[in-house]
Each structure stands twice: as C-alpha cells, then as structure tokens.
Amino acid sequence: MSDEPVIGELVLDGWEGRTYQRVEVIGHTPKRLRIRAIERTRLAGRRRYLEPGQTALVPTRAVRLICST
C-alpha cells in the first residue's frame, strides 16, 4: 500500500443487515487498517461513531477496497 489514500467501504453486519460506509484508508499494520471517516461512520460496538475527519484502526477484513484516489 502506498502513501496515497485509498477509498474503501467499511462493512458491518447488524440486525438490519449488512451496511457499507465509505471511508478513506490512510495506513496499515499487519492486521489492521487505519481509516479516516468521510461522513459520520458507525463502528462495531455500541454507539461508536467517527465524525468526518476522525481516524480509527479496524480489522483488515472489515474494509472492502474500492479504488485509489
């Protein structure tokens, strides 16, 4: 993965079914990806949200890569 941001979708399974939320992948570790929220993004767990511009580490299997910018 290069230094340029990549657009992806954060995939979450819940009671209402599978949801996809657009995020920007800005870095990675061996087992996690560092994402930046483009819009208000729900994370796994109760009432965990990212506001636009905030970052978080998520498992690599939770993000589906779409394209590079």
N, C-alpha and C. Protein backbone atom coordinates (compact mmCIF):
# COMPACT_ATOMS: atom_id res chain seq x y z
N MET A 1 0.85 -1.17 0.00
CA MET A 1 0.00 0.00 0.00
C MET A 1 0.90 1.24 0.00
N SER A 2 0.64 2.18 -0.86
CA SER A 2 1.47 3.38 -0.95
C SER A 2 0.99 4.45 0.02
N ASP A 3 1.62 5.62 -0.06
CA ASP A 3 1.28 6.71 0.85
C ASP A 3 0.00 7.45 0.47
N GLU A 4 -0.50 7.24 -0.74
CA GLU A 4 -1.71 7.95 -1.15
C GLU A 4 -2.95 7.28 -0.56
N PRO A 5 -3.96 8.06 -0.20
CA PRO A 5 -5.19 7.49 0.38
C PRO A 5 -5.94 6.62 -0.62
N VAL A 6 -6.62 5.62 -0.12
CA VAL A 6 -7.42 4.71 -0.93
C VAL A 6 -8.85 4.76 -0.41
N ILE A 7 -9.82 4.79 -1.31
CA ILE A 7 -11.22 4.80 -0.91
C ILE A 7 -11.68 3.35 -0.73
N GLY A 8 -12.38 3.10 0.36
CA GLY A 8 -12.90 1.77 0.65
C GLY A 8 -14.26 1.86 1.31
N GLU A 9 -14.83 0.72 1.58
CA GLU A 9 -16.11 0.65 2.29
C GLU A 9 -15.93 -0.17 3.55
N LEU A 10 -16.36 0.39 4.66
CA LEU A 10 -16.37 -0.31 5.93
C LEU A 10 -17.64 -1.15 5.96
N VAL A 11 -17.49 -2.46 6.11
CA VAL A 11 -18.62 -3.39 6.07
C VAL A 11 -18.96 -3.82 7.49
N LEU A 12 -20.21 -3.61 7.89
CA LEU A 12 -20.67 -4.01 9.22
C LEU A 12 -21.92 -4.88 9.09
N ASP A 13 -21.95 -5.98 9.84
CA ASP A 13 -23.13 -6.83 9.90
C ASP A 13 -23.90 -6.48 11.16
N GLY A 14 -25.21 -6.32 11.05
CA GLY A 14 -26.04 -5.98 12.20
C GLY A 14 -27.43 -6.57 12.05
N TRP A 15 -28.30 -6.21 12.96
CA TRP A 15 -29.67 -6.72 12.91
C TRP A 15 -30.39 -6.28 11.65
N GLU A 16 -30.07 -5.09 11.17
CA GLU A 16 -30.74 -4.58 9.99
C GLU A 16 -30.10 -5.08 8.70
N GLY A 17 -29.11 -5.95 8.81
CA GLY A 17 -28.43 -6.49 7.63
C GLY A 17 -27.03 -5.92 7.51
N ARG A 18 -26.43 -6.07 6.37
CA ARG A 18 -25.07 -5.60 6.13
C ARG A 18 -25.12 -4.14 5.66
N THR A 19 -24.26 -3.30 6.25
CA THR A 19 -24.18 -1.90 5.85
C THR A 19 -22.78 -1.60 5.33
N TYR A 20 -22.71 -0.67 4.37
CA TYR A 20 -21.45 -0.27 3.76
C TYR A 20 -21.32 1.24 3.93
N GLN A 21 -20.20 1.69 4.47
CA GLN A 21 -19.97 3.12 4.68
C GLN A 21 -18.62 3.49 4.08
N ARG A 22 -18.59 4.54 3.26
CA ARG A 22 -17.35 4.96 2.60
C ARG A 22 -16.37 5.55 3.58
N VAL A 23 -15.12 5.09 3.47
CA VAL A 23 -14.04 5.58 4.31
C VAL A 23 -12.79 5.74 3.44
N GLU A 24 -11.81 6.39 3.98
CA GLU A 24 -10.53 6.58 3.31
C GLU A 24 -9.48 5.78 4.08
N VAL A 25 -8.77 4.89 3.43
CA VAL A 25 -7.73 4.08 4.07
C VAL A 25 -6.43 4.87 3.97
N ILE A 26 -5.84 5.22 5.13
CA ILE A 26 -4.66 6.09 5.13
C ILE A 26 -3.41 5.39 5.62
N GLY A 27 -3.52 4.15 6.12
CA GLY A 27 -2.35 3.43 6.60
C GLY A 27 -2.72 2.01 6.98
N HIS A 28 -1.72 1.24 7.38
CA HIS A 28 -2.00 -0.14 7.76
C HIS A 28 -0.92 -0.68 8.69
N THR A 29 -1.29 -1.69 9.45
CA THR A 29 -0.39 -2.50 10.24
C THR A 29 -0.59 -3.93 9.72
N PRO A 30 0.12 -4.92 10.24
CA PRO A 30 -0.07 -6.28 9.70
C PRO A 30 -1.52 -6.81 9.78
N LYS A 31 -2.28 -6.44 10.79
CA LYS A 31 -3.63 -6.98 10.94
C LYS A 31 -4.74 -5.94 10.93
N ARG A 32 -4.40 -4.66 10.84
CA ARG A 32 -5.42 -3.61 10.90
C ARG A 32 -5.16 -2.53 9.86
N LEU A 33 -6.23 -1.82 9.52
CA LEU A 33 -6.13 -0.68 8.62
C LEU A 33 -6.49 0.58 9.39
N ARG A 34 -5.79 1.67 9.12
CA ARG A 34 -6.14 2.97 9.71
C ARG A 34 -7.04 3.66 8.70
N ILE A 35 -8.25 4.00 9.14
CA ILE A 35 -9.22 4.64 8.25
C ILE A 35 -9.52 6.05 8.73
N ARG A 36 -9.95 6.90 7.80
CA ARG A 36 -10.43 8.25 8.11
C ARG A 36 -11.86 8.34 7.61
N ALA A 37 -12.75 8.83 8.45
CA ALA A 37 -14.16 8.93 8.10
C ALA A 37 -14.39 10.05 7.08
N ILE A 38 -15.17 9.77 6.05
CA ILE A 38 -15.56 10.77 5.07
C ILE A 38 -16.86 11.43 5.52
N GLU A 39 -17.75 10.64 6.07
CA GLU A 39 -19.01 11.12 6.64
C GLU A 39 -19.15 10.48 8.01
N ARG A 40 -20.21 10.78 8.74
CA ARG A 40 -20.40 10.15 10.05
C ARG A 40 -20.50 8.65 9.85
N THR A 41 -19.60 7.92 10.50
CA THR A 41 -19.43 6.49 10.27
C THR A 41 -19.64 5.71 11.55
N ARG A 42 -20.45 4.67 11.46
CA ARG A 42 -20.69 3.80 12.61
C ARG A 42 -19.60 2.73 12.65
N LEU A 43 -19.08 2.47 13.84
CA LEU A 43 -18.12 1.40 14.04
C LEU A 43 -18.78 0.26 14.79
N ALA A 44 -18.12 -0.89 14.83
CA ALA A 44 -18.64 -2.03 15.57
C ALA A 44 -18.68 -1.68 17.06
N GLY A 45 -19.65 -2.21 17.75
CA GLY A 45 -19.81 -1.92 19.17
C GLY A 45 -20.99 -0.99 19.38
N ARG A 46 -21.32 -0.78 20.62
CA ARG A 46 -22.48 0.06 20.93
C ARG A 46 -22.13 1.53 20.87
N ARG A 47 -22.88 2.25 20.09
CA ARG A 47 -22.78 3.72 20.00
C ARG A 47 -21.37 4.22 19.74
N ARG A 48 -20.64 3.57 18.85
CA ARG A 48 -19.31 4.04 18.46
C ARG A 48 -19.41 4.67 17.08
N TYR A 49 -19.09 5.93 16.99
CA TYR A 49 -19.16 6.65 15.73
C TYR A 49 -17.88 7.44 15.51
N LEU A 50 -17.55 7.65 14.24
CA LEU A 50 -16.48 8.55 13.85
C LEU A 50 -17.11 9.73 13.15
N GLU A 51 -16.71 10.92 13.53
CA GLU A 51 -17.16 12.12 12.83
C GLU A 51 -16.23 12.33 11.63
N PRO A 52 -16.65 13.07 10.61
CA PRO A 52 -15.79 13.30 9.44
C PRO A 52 -14.41 13.82 9.84
N GLY A 53 -13.37 13.19 9.29
CA GLY A 53 -12.00 13.58 9.57
C GLY A 53 -11.34 12.80 10.69
N GLN A 54 -12.10 12.12 11.54
CA GLN A 54 -11.51 11.34 12.62
C GLN A 54 -10.96 10.02 12.07
N THR A 55 -9.98 9.46 12.77
CA THR A 55 -9.37 8.21 12.34
C THR A 55 -9.57 7.10 13.36
N ALA A 56 -9.43 5.85 12.89
CA ALA A 56 -9.55 4.69 13.77
C ALA A 56 -8.84 3.51 13.13
N LEU A 57 -8.47 2.54 13.95
CA LEU A 57 -7.91 1.28 13.46
C LEU A 57 -9.03 0.24 13.44
N VAL A 58 -9.17 -0.46 12.32
CA VAL A 58 -10.19 -1.50 12.18
C VAL A 58 -9.54 -2.75 11.59
N PRO A 59 -10.11 -3.94 11.80
CA PRO A 59 -9.55 -5.15 11.21
C PRO A 59 -9.54 -5.08 9.68
N THR A 60 -8.55 -5.68 9.06
CA THR A 60 -8.45 -5.63 7.59
C THR A 60 -9.65 -6.28 6.93
N ARG A 61 -10.23 -7.29 7.53
CA ARG A 61 -11.36 -7.98 6.92
C ARG A 61 -12.65 -7.14 6.94
N ALA A 62 -12.65 -6.03 7.68
CA ALA A 62 -13.84 -5.18 7.79
C ALA A 62 -13.92 -4.13 6.69
N VAL A 63 -12.86 -4.02 5.85
CA VAL A 63 -12.84 -2.98 4.82
C VAL A 63 -12.72 -3.63 3.45
N ARG A 64 -13.57 -3.18 2.54
CA ARG A 64 -13.52 -3.62 1.15
C ARG A 64 -12.98 -2.45 0.34
N LEU A 65 -11.82 -2.64 -0.30
CA LEU A 65 -11.19 -1.57 -1.06
C LEU A 65 -11.92 -1.36 -2.38
N ILE A 66 -12.11 -0.07 -2.76
CA ILE A 66 -12.83 0.26 -3.98
C ILE A 66 -11.86 0.76 -5.05
N CYS A 67 -11.16 1.87 -4.76
CA CYS A 67 -10.24 2.44 -5.74
C CYS A 67 -9.27 3.37 -5.05
N SER A 68 -8.17 3.73 -5.73
CA SER A 68 -7.23 4.69 -5.19
C SER A 68 -7.56 6.06 -5.76
N THR A 69 -7.25 7.12 -5.00
CA THR A 69 -7.56 8.48 -5.44
C THR A 69 -6.40 9.10 -6.16
